[in-house]
Every structure is written in C-alpha cells, then in structure tokens.
N, C-alpha and C. Protein backbone atom coordinates (compact mmCIF):
# COMPACT_ATOMS: atom_id res chain seq x y z
N MET A 1 0.81 -1.20 0.00
CA MET A 1 0.00 0.00 0.00
C MET A 1 0.85 1.25 0.00
N MET A 2 2.00 1.24 0.71
CA MET A 2 2.88 2.39 0.73
C MET A 2 4.18 1.95 1.35
N ARG A 3 5.23 2.76 1.17
CA ARG A 3 6.45 2.50 1.89
C ARG A 3 6.17 2.83 3.34
N GLY A 4 6.40 1.89 4.23
CA GLY A 4 6.13 2.09 5.64
C GLY A 4 4.66 2.26 5.93
N ALA A 5 3.83 1.51 5.20
CA ALA A 5 2.40 1.75 5.28
C ALA A 5 1.86 1.60 6.69
N VAL A 6 2.19 0.51 7.34
CA VAL A 6 1.63 0.28 8.66
C VAL A 6 2.09 1.35 9.63
N ARG A 7 3.38 1.69 9.60
CA ARG A 7 3.88 2.72 10.50
C ARG A 7 3.24 4.06 10.21
N ALA A 8 3.03 4.36 8.94
CA ALA A 8 2.50 5.66 8.58
C ALA A 8 1.07 5.84 9.01
N LEU A 9 0.30 4.78 9.01
CA LEU A 9 -1.13 4.94 9.17
C LEU A 9 -1.69 4.38 10.47
N ILE A 10 -0.84 3.94 11.38
CA ILE A 10 -1.33 3.54 12.70
C ILE A 10 -1.83 4.78 13.41
N PRO A 11 -2.93 4.70 14.17
CA PRO A 11 -3.46 5.88 14.83
C PRO A 11 -2.43 6.53 15.73
N ALA A 12 -2.57 7.84 15.90
CA ALA A 12 -1.57 8.68 16.54
C ALA A 12 -1.09 8.20 17.88
N ALA A 13 -2.00 8.00 18.79
CA ALA A 13 -1.55 7.69 20.14
C ALA A 13 -0.81 6.37 20.19
N VAL A 14 -1.31 5.37 19.45
CA VAL A 14 -0.65 4.07 19.45
C VAL A 14 0.73 4.19 18.84
N ALA A 15 0.83 4.90 17.71
CA ALA A 15 2.13 5.04 17.06
C ALA A 15 3.09 5.81 17.93
N ALA A 16 2.59 6.83 18.61
CA ALA A 16 3.47 7.64 19.43
C ALA A 16 4.01 6.84 20.60
N LEU A 17 3.15 6.06 21.25
CA LEU A 17 3.57 5.38 22.46
C LEU A 17 4.22 4.04 22.17
N ALA A 18 3.73 3.35 21.14
CA ALA A 18 4.23 2.01 20.89
C ALA A 18 5.35 1.97 19.87
N LEU A 19 5.37 2.91 18.95
CA LEU A 19 6.36 2.88 17.89
C LEU A 19 7.27 4.10 17.93
N ALA A 20 7.48 4.66 19.07
CA ALA A 20 8.40 5.79 19.24
C ALA A 20 7.97 7.00 18.47
N GLY A 21 6.68 7.15 18.29
CA GLY A 21 6.19 8.44 18.05
C GLY A 21 5.51 8.95 16.85
N CYS A 22 4.68 8.27 16.11
CA CYS A 22 3.79 8.95 15.18
C CYS A 22 2.75 9.70 16.00
N SER A 23 2.32 10.86 15.52
CA SER A 23 1.20 11.53 16.15
C SER A 23 -0.03 11.24 15.35
N SER A 24 -1.21 11.60 15.89
CA SER A 24 -2.43 11.44 15.13
C SER A 24 -2.37 12.30 13.92
N SER A 25 -2.95 11.83 12.83
CA SER A 25 -2.80 12.61 11.64
C SER A 25 -3.64 13.84 11.62
N SER A 26 -4.38 14.16 12.59
CA SER A 26 -4.90 15.49 12.66
C SER A 26 -6.01 15.71 13.59
N GLY A 27 -6.72 16.79 13.33
CA GLY A 27 -7.45 17.62 14.18
C GLY A 27 -8.75 17.17 14.72
N GLY A 28 -9.66 18.07 15.08
CA GLY A 28 -10.92 17.67 15.61
C GLY A 28 -11.80 18.82 15.94
N GLY A 29 -13.02 18.47 16.31
CA GLY A 29 -13.97 19.47 16.68
C GLY A 29 -14.46 20.21 15.45
N ASP A 30 -15.37 21.19 15.64
CA ASP A 30 -15.76 21.99 14.51
C ASP A 30 -15.29 23.41 14.71
N GLY A 31 -15.55 24.27 13.72
CA GLY A 31 -14.93 25.58 13.71
C GLY A 31 -15.27 26.45 14.89
N ALA A 32 -16.54 26.53 15.33
CA ALA A 32 -16.90 27.48 16.36
C ALA A 32 -16.90 26.86 17.74
N ASP A 33 -16.98 25.55 17.83
CA ASP A 33 -17.06 24.88 19.11
C ASP A 33 -15.75 24.99 19.85
N PRO A 34 -15.75 25.45 21.13
CA PRO A 34 -14.51 25.51 21.87
C PRO A 34 -13.92 24.15 22.13
N GLY A 35 -14.68 23.09 21.93
CA GLY A 35 -14.13 21.74 22.00
C GLY A 35 -14.30 21.11 23.36
N LYS A 36 -14.17 19.79 23.38
CA LYS A 36 -14.42 19.05 24.60
C LYS A 36 -13.35 19.28 25.65
N ASN A 37 -12.18 19.80 25.23
CA ASN A 37 -11.12 20.04 26.20
C ASN A 37 -11.23 21.43 26.82
N GLY A 38 -12.12 22.26 26.31
CA GLY A 38 -12.30 23.58 26.87
C GLY A 38 -11.10 24.48 26.67
N ASP A 39 -10.23 24.17 25.77
CA ASP A 39 -9.03 24.96 25.54
C ASP A 39 -9.19 25.69 24.23
N SER A 40 -9.39 27.00 24.29
CA SER A 40 -9.69 27.74 23.08
C SER A 40 -8.49 28.47 22.51
N ALA A 41 -7.28 28.31 23.10
CA ALA A 41 -6.15 29.09 22.60
C ALA A 41 -4.86 28.31 22.48
N PRO A 42 -4.87 27.08 21.98
CA PRO A 42 -3.60 26.38 21.80
C PRO A 42 -2.74 27.03 20.75
N SER A 43 -3.37 27.66 19.74
CA SER A 43 -2.60 28.27 18.66
C SER A 43 -1.74 29.41 19.17
N GLU A 44 -2.28 30.23 20.03
CA GLU A 44 -1.54 31.39 20.53
C GLU A 44 -0.33 30.95 21.34
N ALA A 45 -0.53 30.00 22.26
CA ALA A 45 0.58 29.56 23.10
C ALA A 45 1.67 28.91 22.27
N ALA A 46 1.27 28.06 21.34
CA ALA A 46 2.26 27.37 20.52
C ALA A 46 2.94 28.35 19.58
N GLY A 47 2.20 29.32 19.06
CA GLY A 47 2.79 30.29 18.17
C GLY A 47 3.86 31.11 18.86
N ASN A 48 3.63 31.45 20.14
CA ASN A 48 4.64 32.19 20.88
C ASN A 48 5.91 31.38 21.01
N ALA A 49 5.76 30.08 21.26
CA ALA A 49 6.94 29.22 21.38
C ALA A 49 7.69 29.16 20.06
N ALA A 50 6.96 29.09 18.96
CA ALA A 50 7.61 28.99 17.65
C ALA A 50 8.39 30.24 17.32
N GLY A 51 7.92 31.39 17.82
CA GLY A 51 8.60 32.63 17.52
C GLY A 51 9.93 32.77 18.20
N ASN A 52 10.22 31.89 19.16
CA ASN A 52 11.46 32.00 19.91
C ASN A 52 12.63 31.31 19.23
N ALA A 53 12.41 30.61 18.16
CA ALA A 53 13.49 29.89 17.49
C ALA A 53 13.19 29.80 16.01
N ALA A 54 14.24 29.65 15.22
CA ALA A 54 14.09 29.47 13.78
C ALA A 54 14.73 28.15 13.39
N ALA A 55 14.08 27.44 12.49
CA ALA A 55 14.59 26.14 12.06
C ALA A 55 15.64 26.33 10.98
N ALA A 56 16.74 25.59 11.07
CA ALA A 56 17.74 25.59 10.01
C ALA A 56 17.15 24.88 8.79
N LYS A 57 17.38 25.45 7.61
CA LYS A 57 16.79 24.93 6.39
C LYS A 57 17.49 23.65 5.94
N GLY A 58 16.69 22.68 5.53
CA GLY A 58 17.18 21.46 4.91
C GLY A 58 16.84 21.46 3.43
N VAL A 59 16.25 20.37 2.96
CA VAL A 59 15.90 20.25 1.55
C VAL A 59 14.57 20.93 1.28
N THR A 60 14.28 21.15 0.00
CA THR A 60 12.98 21.67 -0.42
C THR A 60 12.12 20.50 -0.89
N LEU A 61 10.91 20.43 -0.38
CA LEU A 61 10.00 19.32 -0.67
C LEU A 61 8.95 19.74 -1.68
N GLY A 62 8.54 18.80 -2.54
CA GLY A 62 7.37 19.01 -3.38
C GLY A 62 7.63 19.10 -4.86
N GLY A 63 8.84 19.47 -5.25
CA GLY A 63 9.13 19.62 -6.66
C GLY A 63 9.40 18.30 -7.35
N ALA A 64 9.51 18.34 -8.67
CA ALA A 64 9.82 17.13 -9.44
C ALA A 64 11.15 16.54 -8.97
N GLY A 65 11.14 15.25 -8.71
CA GLY A 65 12.34 14.58 -8.26
C GLY A 65 12.51 14.54 -6.76
N SER A 66 11.69 15.28 -6.00
CA SER A 66 11.78 15.23 -4.54
C SER A 66 11.05 13.99 -4.05
N PRO A 67 11.29 13.56 -2.81
CA PRO A 67 10.64 12.35 -2.31
C PRO A 67 9.12 12.39 -2.38
N CYS A 68 8.54 13.57 -2.26
CA CYS A 68 7.09 13.74 -2.38
C CYS A 68 6.84 14.83 -3.41
N GLU A 69 6.25 14.48 -4.55
CA GLU A 69 5.90 15.47 -5.56
C GLU A 69 4.50 16.00 -5.26
N LEU A 70 4.40 17.31 -5.05
CA LEU A 70 3.18 17.93 -4.54
C LEU A 70 2.77 19.11 -5.41
N PRO A 71 1.54 19.61 -5.23
CA PRO A 71 1.13 20.83 -5.94
C PRO A 71 1.83 22.08 -5.41
N VAL A 72 2.52 21.95 -4.27
CA VAL A 72 3.24 23.05 -3.66
C VAL A 72 4.66 22.60 -3.34
N THR A 73 5.53 23.56 -3.08
CA THR A 73 6.86 23.27 -2.56
C THR A 73 7.04 24.06 -1.27
N PHE A 74 7.88 23.54 -0.38
CA PHE A 74 8.26 24.28 0.83
C PHE A 74 9.54 23.69 1.40
N ASP A 75 10.21 24.48 2.22
CA ASP A 75 11.47 24.05 2.81
C ASP A 75 11.23 23.21 4.05
N LEU A 76 12.02 22.16 4.19
CA LEU A 76 12.01 21.34 5.39
C LEU A 76 13.12 21.79 6.32
N ALA A 77 12.92 21.57 7.62
CA ALA A 77 13.98 21.81 8.58
C ALA A 77 15.10 20.79 8.37
N ALA A 78 16.29 21.16 8.73
CA ALA A 78 17.45 20.29 8.55
C ALA A 78 17.23 18.95 9.24
N ASP A 79 17.59 17.88 8.54
CA ASP A 79 17.57 16.50 9.04
C ASP A 79 16.18 15.88 9.13
N TRP A 80 15.12 16.61 8.81
CA TRP A 80 13.81 15.99 8.75
C TRP A 80 13.74 15.15 7.47
N LYS A 81 13.20 13.94 7.58
CA LYS A 81 13.26 12.98 6.47
C LYS A 81 11.88 12.73 5.86
N PRO A 82 11.68 13.12 4.60
CA PRO A 82 10.38 12.93 3.95
C PRO A 82 10.23 11.56 3.31
N GLN A 83 8.99 11.12 3.22
CA GLN A 83 8.68 9.85 2.56
C GLN A 83 7.29 9.94 1.95
N ALA A 84 7.17 9.56 0.69
CA ALA A 84 5.86 9.57 0.04
C ALA A 84 4.96 8.51 0.65
N VAL A 85 3.68 8.81 0.65
CA VAL A 85 2.66 7.88 1.17
C VAL A 85 1.63 7.66 0.06
N THR A 86 1.31 6.41 -0.20
CA THR A 86 0.27 6.07 -1.17
C THR A 86 -0.82 5.29 -0.44
N VAL A 87 -2.02 5.83 -0.45
CA VAL A 87 -3.16 5.19 0.21
C VAL A 87 -3.97 4.45 -0.84
N GLU A 88 -4.10 3.16 -0.69
CA GLU A 88 -4.87 2.35 -1.64
C GLU A 88 -6.34 2.38 -1.27
N PRO A 89 -7.18 2.97 -2.11
CA PRO A 89 -8.62 3.04 -1.79
C PRO A 89 -9.20 1.66 -1.52
N GLY A 90 -10.01 1.58 -0.48
CA GLY A 90 -10.68 0.33 -0.17
C GLY A 90 -9.85 -0.63 0.65
N SER A 91 -8.60 -0.32 0.93
CA SER A 91 -7.77 -1.22 1.73
C SER A 91 -8.15 -1.10 3.21
N ASP A 92 -7.64 -2.03 4.01
CA ASP A 92 -7.96 -2.04 5.43
C ASP A 92 -7.47 -0.78 6.13
N LEU A 93 -6.38 -0.19 5.65
CA LEU A 93 -5.80 0.98 6.29
C LEU A 93 -6.19 2.30 5.63
N ALA A 94 -7.02 2.22 4.60
CA ALA A 94 -7.35 3.44 3.86
C ALA A 94 -8.00 4.49 4.74
N ALA A 95 -8.85 4.07 5.65
CA ALA A 95 -9.55 5.04 6.50
C ALA A 95 -8.59 5.83 7.37
N LEU A 96 -7.43 5.25 7.69
CA LEU A 96 -6.46 5.94 8.53
C LEU A 96 -5.63 6.93 7.73
N GLY A 97 -5.67 6.82 6.40
CA GLY A 97 -4.93 7.75 5.56
C GLY A 97 -5.83 8.75 4.87
N GLU A 98 -7.09 8.78 5.27
CA GLU A 98 -8.04 9.74 4.72
C GLU A 98 -8.68 10.50 5.86
N GLN A 99 -8.79 11.80 5.74
CA GLN A 99 -9.41 12.60 6.79
C GLN A 99 -10.19 13.74 6.17
N GLY A 100 -11.49 13.70 6.31
CA GLY A 100 -12.32 14.71 5.68
C GLY A 100 -12.13 14.68 4.18
N PRO A 101 -11.85 15.83 3.56
CA PRO A 101 -11.76 15.88 2.09
C PRO A 101 -10.36 15.58 1.55
N VAL A 102 -9.43 15.18 2.40
CA VAL A 102 -8.04 15.03 1.94
C VAL A 102 -7.48 13.66 2.30
N THR A 103 -6.43 13.28 1.57
CA THR A 103 -5.76 12.00 1.75
C THR A 103 -4.27 12.25 1.99
N MET A 104 -3.69 11.48 2.89
CA MET A 104 -2.27 11.64 3.18
C MET A 104 -1.43 11.28 1.97
N VAL A 105 -0.48 12.16 1.63
CA VAL A 105 0.39 11.90 0.48
C VAL A 105 1.88 11.94 0.85
N CYS A 106 2.19 12.46 2.03
CA CYS A 106 3.60 12.58 2.41
C CYS A 106 3.70 12.71 3.92
N GLU A 107 4.75 12.13 4.49
CA GLU A 107 5.04 12.37 5.90
C GLU A 107 6.54 12.65 6.05
N VAL A 108 6.84 13.56 6.97
CA VAL A 108 8.23 13.99 7.18
C VAL A 108 8.58 13.70 8.63
N ASP A 109 9.54 12.82 8.83
CA ASP A 109 9.89 12.30 10.14
C ASP A 109 10.88 13.23 10.85
N ALA A 110 10.55 13.63 12.07
CA ALA A 110 11.42 14.51 12.85
C ALA A 110 12.46 13.75 13.68
N LYS A 111 12.34 12.44 13.77
CA LYS A 111 13.24 11.70 14.67
C LYS A 111 14.72 11.89 14.32
N PRO A 112 15.12 11.92 13.03
CA PRO A 112 16.54 12.16 12.75
C PRO A 112 17.04 13.51 13.25
N ALA A 113 16.12 14.45 13.47
CA ALA A 113 16.49 15.77 13.98
C ALA A 113 16.36 15.85 15.49
N GLY A 114 15.95 14.73 16.13
CA GLY A 114 15.93 14.69 17.58
C GLY A 114 14.58 14.86 18.23
N ASN A 115 13.50 14.86 17.47
CA ASN A 115 12.16 14.98 18.04
C ASN A 115 11.30 13.80 17.63
N ILE A 116 10.20 13.62 18.34
CA ILE A 116 9.29 12.52 18.07
C ILE A 116 8.00 13.09 17.50
N GLY A 117 7.85 12.98 16.21
CA GLY A 117 6.65 13.50 15.56
C GLY A 117 6.83 13.56 14.06
N TYR A 118 5.78 13.97 13.39
CA TYR A 118 5.77 14.02 11.94
C TYR A 118 5.11 15.32 11.47
N LEU A 119 5.60 15.84 10.38
CA LEU A 119 4.90 16.84 9.59
C LEU A 119 4.26 16.07 8.44
N ARG A 120 2.94 16.09 8.34
CA ARG A 120 2.26 15.31 7.32
C ARG A 120 1.55 16.23 6.32
N VAL A 121 1.56 15.81 5.08
CA VAL A 121 0.93 16.57 4.00
C VAL A 121 -0.23 15.76 3.45
N TRP A 122 -1.37 16.41 3.32
CA TRP A 122 -2.60 15.80 2.83
C TRP A 122 -3.07 16.58 1.63
N GLN A 123 -3.65 15.89 0.65
CA GLN A 123 -4.12 16.54 -0.56
C GLN A 123 -5.52 16.06 -0.91
N GLY A 124 -6.34 16.96 -1.46
CA GLY A 124 -7.68 16.60 -1.87
C GLY A 124 -7.89 16.86 -3.36
N LYS A 125 -9.07 16.55 -3.81
CA LYS A 125 -9.43 16.78 -5.21
C LYS A 125 -9.79 18.26 -5.41
N ALA A 126 -9.57 18.74 -6.63
CA ALA A 126 -9.87 20.13 -6.93
C ALA A 126 -11.35 20.43 -6.65
N SER A 127 -11.59 21.57 -6.03
CA SER A 127 -12.96 21.98 -5.70
C SER A 127 -12.98 23.48 -5.51
N SER A 128 -14.17 24.01 -5.24
CA SER A 128 -14.31 25.45 -5.00
C SER A 128 -14.22 25.79 -3.52
N ASP A 129 -13.93 24.82 -2.67
CA ASP A 129 -13.87 25.05 -1.23
C ASP A 129 -12.74 26.02 -0.88
N THR A 130 -12.98 26.86 0.12
CA THR A 130 -11.95 27.77 0.61
C THR A 130 -10.98 27.00 1.52
N PRO A 131 -9.79 27.58 1.77
CA PRO A 131 -8.89 26.93 2.73
C PRO A 131 -9.56 26.71 4.09
N ARG A 132 -10.33 27.66 4.55
CA ARG A 132 -11.00 27.52 5.85
C ARG A 132 -11.97 26.35 5.84
N ALA A 133 -12.76 26.22 4.78
CA ALA A 133 -13.73 25.12 4.69
C ALA A 133 -13.02 23.77 4.67
N VAL A 134 -11.93 23.69 3.93
CA VAL A 134 -11.17 22.44 3.87
C VAL A 134 -10.62 22.10 5.24
N LEU A 135 -10.06 23.09 5.92
CA LEU A 135 -9.45 22.85 7.22
C LEU A 135 -10.49 22.46 8.27
N GLU A 136 -11.64 23.11 8.24
CA GLU A 136 -12.70 22.77 9.19
C GLU A 136 -13.16 21.33 8.97
N ALA A 137 -13.32 20.92 7.72
CA ALA A 137 -13.74 19.56 7.44
C ALA A 137 -12.67 18.55 7.88
N PHE A 138 -11.42 18.91 7.68
CA PHE A 138 -10.30 18.06 8.10
C PHE A 138 -10.31 17.86 9.61
N VAL A 139 -10.46 18.93 10.34
CA VAL A 139 -10.44 18.86 11.80
C VAL A 139 -11.68 18.14 12.33
N LYS A 140 -12.83 18.44 11.76
CA LYS A 140 -14.08 17.83 12.22
C LYS A 140 -14.06 16.32 12.07
N ALA A 141 -13.28 15.82 11.12
CA ALA A 141 -13.24 14.38 10.86
C ALA A 141 -12.48 13.61 11.94
N ASP A 142 -11.79 14.29 12.84
CA ASP A 142 -11.10 13.61 13.93
C ASP A 142 -11.95 13.71 15.20
N PRO A 143 -12.52 12.62 15.68
CA PRO A 143 -13.40 12.68 16.85
C PRO A 143 -12.66 12.94 18.15
N ASP A 144 -11.35 12.86 18.16
CA ASP A 144 -10.59 13.02 19.40
C ASP A 144 -10.08 14.42 19.63
N ALA A 145 -10.36 15.35 18.71
CA ALA A 145 -9.82 16.69 18.83
C ALA A 145 -10.84 17.66 19.39
N GLY A 146 -10.35 18.73 19.98
CA GLY A 146 -11.23 19.76 20.51
C GLY A 146 -10.46 21.06 20.67
N GLY A 147 -11.17 22.10 21.13
CA GLY A 147 -10.53 23.38 21.37
C GLY A 147 -9.99 24.02 20.12
N ALA A 148 -10.63 23.81 18.98
CA ALA A 148 -10.09 24.33 17.72
C ALA A 148 -10.23 25.85 17.65
N THR A 149 -9.13 26.50 17.30
CA THR A 149 -9.10 27.95 17.10
C THR A 149 -8.58 28.23 15.70
N TYR A 150 -9.43 28.80 14.85
CA TYR A 150 -9.09 29.04 13.45
C TYR A 150 -8.68 30.49 13.24
N THR A 151 -7.71 30.71 12.36
CA THR A 151 -7.30 32.05 11.99
C THR A 151 -7.05 32.10 10.48
N GLU A 152 -7.25 33.29 9.91
CA GLU A 152 -6.84 33.51 8.53
C GLU A 152 -5.33 33.75 8.53
N ALA A 153 -4.64 33.24 7.52
CA ALA A 153 -3.18 33.31 7.53
C ALA A 153 -2.67 33.40 6.10
N GLU A 154 -1.35 33.43 5.96
CA GLU A 154 -0.70 33.32 4.67
C GLU A 154 0.34 32.22 4.76
N ALA A 155 0.42 31.42 3.70
CA ALA A 155 1.47 30.42 3.58
C ALA A 155 2.32 30.85 2.39
N GLY A 156 3.52 31.32 2.65
CA GLY A 156 4.24 32.02 1.61
C GLY A 156 3.44 33.25 1.23
N GLN A 157 3.05 33.34 -0.04
CA GLN A 157 2.20 34.44 -0.48
C GLN A 157 0.78 33.97 -0.81
N LEU A 158 0.45 32.75 -0.42
CA LEU A 158 -0.88 32.20 -0.71
C LEU A 158 -1.82 32.44 0.47
N PRO A 159 -3.09 32.76 0.19
CA PRO A 159 -4.08 32.82 1.27
C PRO A 159 -4.20 31.43 1.92
N ALA A 160 -4.30 31.42 3.23
CA ALA A 160 -4.35 30.16 3.95
C ALA A 160 -5.26 30.30 5.15
N ALA A 161 -5.64 29.17 5.70
CA ALA A 161 -6.32 29.11 6.99
C ALA A 161 -5.47 28.24 7.91
N GLU A 162 -5.48 28.57 9.20
CA GLU A 162 -4.67 27.83 10.16
C GLU A 162 -5.51 27.49 11.37
N VAL A 163 -5.19 26.37 12.00
CA VAL A 163 -5.91 25.96 13.19
C VAL A 163 -4.93 25.42 14.23
N GLY A 164 -5.20 25.75 15.48
CA GLY A 164 -4.55 25.11 16.61
C GLY A 164 -5.61 24.41 17.42
N TYR A 165 -5.31 23.25 17.95
CA TYR A 165 -6.32 22.50 18.69
C TYR A 165 -5.62 21.48 19.60
N THR A 166 -6.39 20.77 20.39
CA THR A 166 -5.84 19.72 21.23
C THR A 166 -6.47 18.39 20.88
N VAL A 167 -5.73 17.32 21.13
CA VAL A 167 -6.20 15.96 20.88
C VAL A 167 -6.12 15.18 22.18
N SER A 168 -7.18 14.47 22.50
CA SER A 168 -7.24 13.62 23.69
C SER A 168 -7.39 12.16 23.26
N GLY A 169 -7.08 11.25 24.16
CA GLY A 169 -7.24 9.84 23.85
C GLY A 169 -6.93 8.99 25.07
N GLU A 170 -7.39 7.76 25.05
CA GLU A 170 -7.21 6.87 26.19
C GLU A 170 -5.75 6.61 26.50
N LEU A 171 -4.89 6.65 25.48
CA LEU A 171 -3.48 6.35 25.69
C LEU A 171 -2.64 7.60 25.96
N LEU A 172 -3.28 8.75 26.06
CA LEU A 172 -2.57 9.99 26.35
C LEU A 172 -2.78 10.38 27.80
N ASP A 173 -1.71 10.82 28.46
CA ASP A 173 -1.82 11.26 29.85
C ASP A 173 -2.60 12.56 29.95
N GLU A 174 -2.50 13.41 28.94
CA GLU A 174 -3.19 14.68 28.92
C GLU A 174 -3.37 15.11 27.46
N PRO A 175 -4.29 16.04 27.20
CA PRO A 175 -4.47 16.51 25.82
C PRO A 175 -3.17 17.08 25.27
N LYS A 176 -2.93 16.86 23.97
CA LYS A 176 -1.73 17.39 23.34
C LYS A 176 -2.11 18.35 22.21
N THR A 177 -1.24 19.31 21.99
CA THR A 177 -1.49 20.36 21.02
C THR A 177 -1.07 19.93 19.62
N GLU A 178 -1.85 20.32 18.63
CA GLU A 178 -1.52 20.08 17.23
C GLU A 178 -1.86 21.32 16.42
N HIS A 179 -1.25 21.44 15.25
CA HIS A 179 -1.49 22.56 14.35
C HIS A 179 -1.62 22.06 12.92
N ALA A 180 -2.33 22.82 12.11
CA ALA A 180 -2.41 22.54 10.68
C ALA A 180 -2.73 23.83 9.94
N PHE A 181 -2.29 23.90 8.69
CA PHE A 181 -2.75 24.98 7.83
C PHE A 181 -3.15 24.39 6.48
N ALA A 182 -4.01 25.12 5.78
CA ALA A 182 -4.52 24.66 4.48
C ALA A 182 -4.42 25.77 3.45
N VAL A 183 -4.12 25.36 2.22
CA VAL A 183 -4.17 26.26 1.06
C VAL A 183 -4.91 25.54 -0.05
N THR A 184 -5.36 26.30 -1.03
CA THR A 184 -5.96 25.68 -2.21
C THR A 184 -5.04 25.91 -3.40
N THR A 185 -5.03 24.92 -4.31
CA THR A 185 -4.22 24.98 -5.53
C THR A 185 -5.08 24.51 -6.70
N PRO A 186 -4.66 24.76 -7.93
CA PRO A 186 -5.43 24.27 -9.08
C PRO A 186 -5.57 22.75 -9.08
N GLU A 187 -4.68 22.04 -8.41
CA GLU A 187 -4.75 20.58 -8.36
C GLU A 187 -5.50 20.07 -7.14
N GLY A 188 -5.99 20.96 -6.30
CA GLY A 188 -6.73 20.55 -5.13
C GLY A 188 -6.14 21.15 -3.86
N PRO A 189 -6.88 21.07 -2.75
CA PRO A 189 -6.40 21.64 -1.50
C PRO A 189 -5.24 20.83 -0.91
N VAL A 190 -4.40 21.52 -0.17
CA VAL A 190 -3.29 20.89 0.54
C VAL A 190 -3.38 21.29 2.00
N VAL A 191 -3.28 20.31 2.87
CA VAL A 191 -3.22 20.54 4.32
C VAL A 191 -1.87 20.07 4.82
N VAL A 192 -1.19 20.92 5.59
CA VAL A 192 0.07 20.55 6.24
C VAL A 192 -0.18 20.51 7.73
N HIS A 193 0.08 19.36 8.35
CA HIS A 193 -0.28 19.12 9.74
C HIS A 193 0.94 18.74 10.57
N LEU A 194 1.03 19.29 11.77
CA LEU A 194 2.09 18.93 12.72
C LEU A 194 1.47 18.38 13.98
N GLY A 195 1.87 17.16 14.34
CA GLY A 195 1.44 16.58 15.60
C GLY A 195 2.60 16.53 16.57
N GLY A 196 2.86 15.34 17.11
CA GLY A 196 3.94 15.16 18.06
C GLY A 196 3.55 14.19 19.14
N LEU A 197 4.54 13.64 19.82
CA LEU A 197 4.28 12.70 20.90
C LEU A 197 3.47 13.34 22.02
N ASP A 198 3.78 14.58 22.35
CA ASP A 198 3.06 15.33 23.38
C ASP A 198 3.23 16.82 23.07
N SER A 199 2.67 17.66 23.93
CA SER A 199 2.71 19.10 23.67
C SER A 199 4.12 19.66 23.71
N GLN A 200 4.97 19.11 24.55
CA GLN A 200 6.35 19.59 24.60
C GLN A 200 7.08 19.30 23.29
N GLU A 201 6.95 18.07 22.79
CA GLU A 201 7.56 17.74 21.51
C GLU A 201 6.99 18.65 20.41
N HIS A 202 5.70 18.90 20.48
CA HIS A 202 5.06 19.76 19.48
C HIS A 202 5.68 21.15 19.48
N ARG A 203 5.84 21.73 20.68
CA ARG A 203 6.42 23.06 20.77
C ARG A 203 7.84 23.09 20.19
N GLU A 204 8.60 22.04 20.45
CA GLU A 204 9.97 22.00 19.96
C GLU A 204 10.03 21.88 18.44
N MET A 205 8.99 21.32 17.84
CA MET A 205 8.96 21.14 16.38
C MET A 205 8.30 22.29 15.64
N LEU A 206 7.68 23.21 16.36
CA LEU A 206 6.96 24.30 15.70
C LEU A 206 7.83 25.13 14.75
N PRO A 207 9.10 25.39 15.05
CA PRO A 207 9.89 26.14 14.06
C PRO A 207 9.95 25.46 12.69
N ALA A 208 9.94 24.13 12.65
CA ALA A 208 9.93 23.43 11.36
C ALA A 208 8.60 23.63 10.64
N TYR A 209 7.52 23.62 11.39
CA TYR A 209 6.19 23.88 10.83
C TYR A 209 6.12 25.31 10.28
N GLU A 210 6.64 26.26 11.05
CA GLU A 210 6.62 27.66 10.62
C GLU A 210 7.48 27.87 9.38
N LEU A 211 8.60 27.15 9.30
CA LEU A 211 9.45 27.23 8.11
C LEU A 211 8.68 26.76 6.88
N ALA A 212 7.97 25.64 7.01
CA ALA A 212 7.17 25.13 5.89
C ALA A 212 6.12 26.15 5.45
N LYS A 213 5.45 26.74 6.42
CA LYS A 213 4.39 27.71 6.11
C LYS A 213 4.99 28.96 5.45
N LYS A 214 6.09 29.45 5.96
CA LYS A 214 6.71 30.68 5.45
C LYS A 214 7.22 30.53 4.02
N THR A 215 7.72 29.34 3.69
CA THR A 215 8.39 29.15 2.39
C THR A 215 7.51 28.49 1.34
N LEU A 216 6.25 28.22 1.66
CA LEU A 216 5.37 27.50 0.73
C LEU A 216 5.12 28.30 -0.54
N LYS A 217 5.18 27.62 -1.69
CA LYS A 217 4.88 28.21 -2.99
C LYS A 217 4.11 27.20 -3.82
N LEU A 218 3.39 27.69 -4.81
CA LEU A 218 2.77 26.78 -5.77
C LEU A 218 3.86 26.04 -6.53
N GLY A 219 3.65 24.72 -6.76
CA GLY A 219 4.64 23.93 -7.46
C GLY A 219 4.66 24.22 -8.95
C-alpha cells in the first residue's frame, strides 16, 4: 500500500507510544465549538513558542524529483526525512490515511532531527472550497480533537487558513497540542499538519512547521 504503510497509518496515540512516536494525523472538533477540552487558545501559546526559534533549512520538498511530488513546494527543517505515502482506496488501512476531504500523500519524520513526531501533507481533489472550509472539514473528521481555534493566515504568499487544537485519547496522559494549515491549488487543496508525541515535543517542532508555512509556494 505504501512504503512504511503500517507505520505511517497507525493511529496517533498508538504510534506515538508504541512505535516511538507517530502523532495522530490530525485535528478535531468543529470551527466554532470551543471543544471538549475547553481549551480555546492552543494556537496562541504554541505560536509564541515557535517565535522563539528558527529552524535551520534542509531540503525543499514538493518539486519534481523530490521524495514527495506535490502541488506546492516548501522548505524542510534540517535533518527531517520525507517519505511519500500512497493510500490504496478500499484497503484495510485506507480510512487511517483519509481525513475529511483530503488523503495523506507525504510524511516527514522529525526523529533524525531529535524529536518525536511528523509533519504530514494531505491533498484533496480540486474543488471550490476555501482553505478555511477544507481545514474545518479536516479537523471535524477527527473525533478526538477539541478546542479548535481558526485564523486567517498566509502560507508564503498564498491565502491560507490555520488551526490550533488539542487531541485527547485513552493512551494519552493529557491533551496534546496540534497545528495545521490549508491552502488551495489548481490541483486541489493541501493541508500541512504537525502533531507530536506530546505538547512539549510539538512546541519543539513548531519552528519546522513555521518554516514550511513561510516558504510554501505553488509547485
């Protein structure tokens, strides 16, 4: 189904705790609902942490010949390792690689850079949906997320929507923070999501997420 299919698509909490750290592939709750965790400002706190450090640039992802060919390109943090993901429709694991209107197409492993988590890229079919609508549908499709706070943003020079939220689960000691942003392209919407083993790992990886958002361009 994909290179590293089972590792890539095991649910977040299990992968994080049992396999040294995949995070859940994304969000939860709906746009206006403060969420079941009652935390309405994870984006602000995490954004402040991200502003305290800048990620050293590694390779550029998304162009022809890169590990993941995408409708967009962006810079990865140094030592983060990308891998293409192919989700086979109708397979046993397909549901874990699909979330709302988008399907996972790439994951970037932070472990070689010293953190436990992934930056994951999801892509959907071309539509008239706005970045905000795509992101809300993406987050709503995760039943374990809450406290979603949406903002209008820019990814490179493209209009974007961004969300910060928390994810809870039976295997988590406490809710953990996650972030995602979405843009639309002629080939369909793209969602870039950052999870992590826990909120501390997430904060440490935020500079890599911010680097991706800052450098994003149409492919």
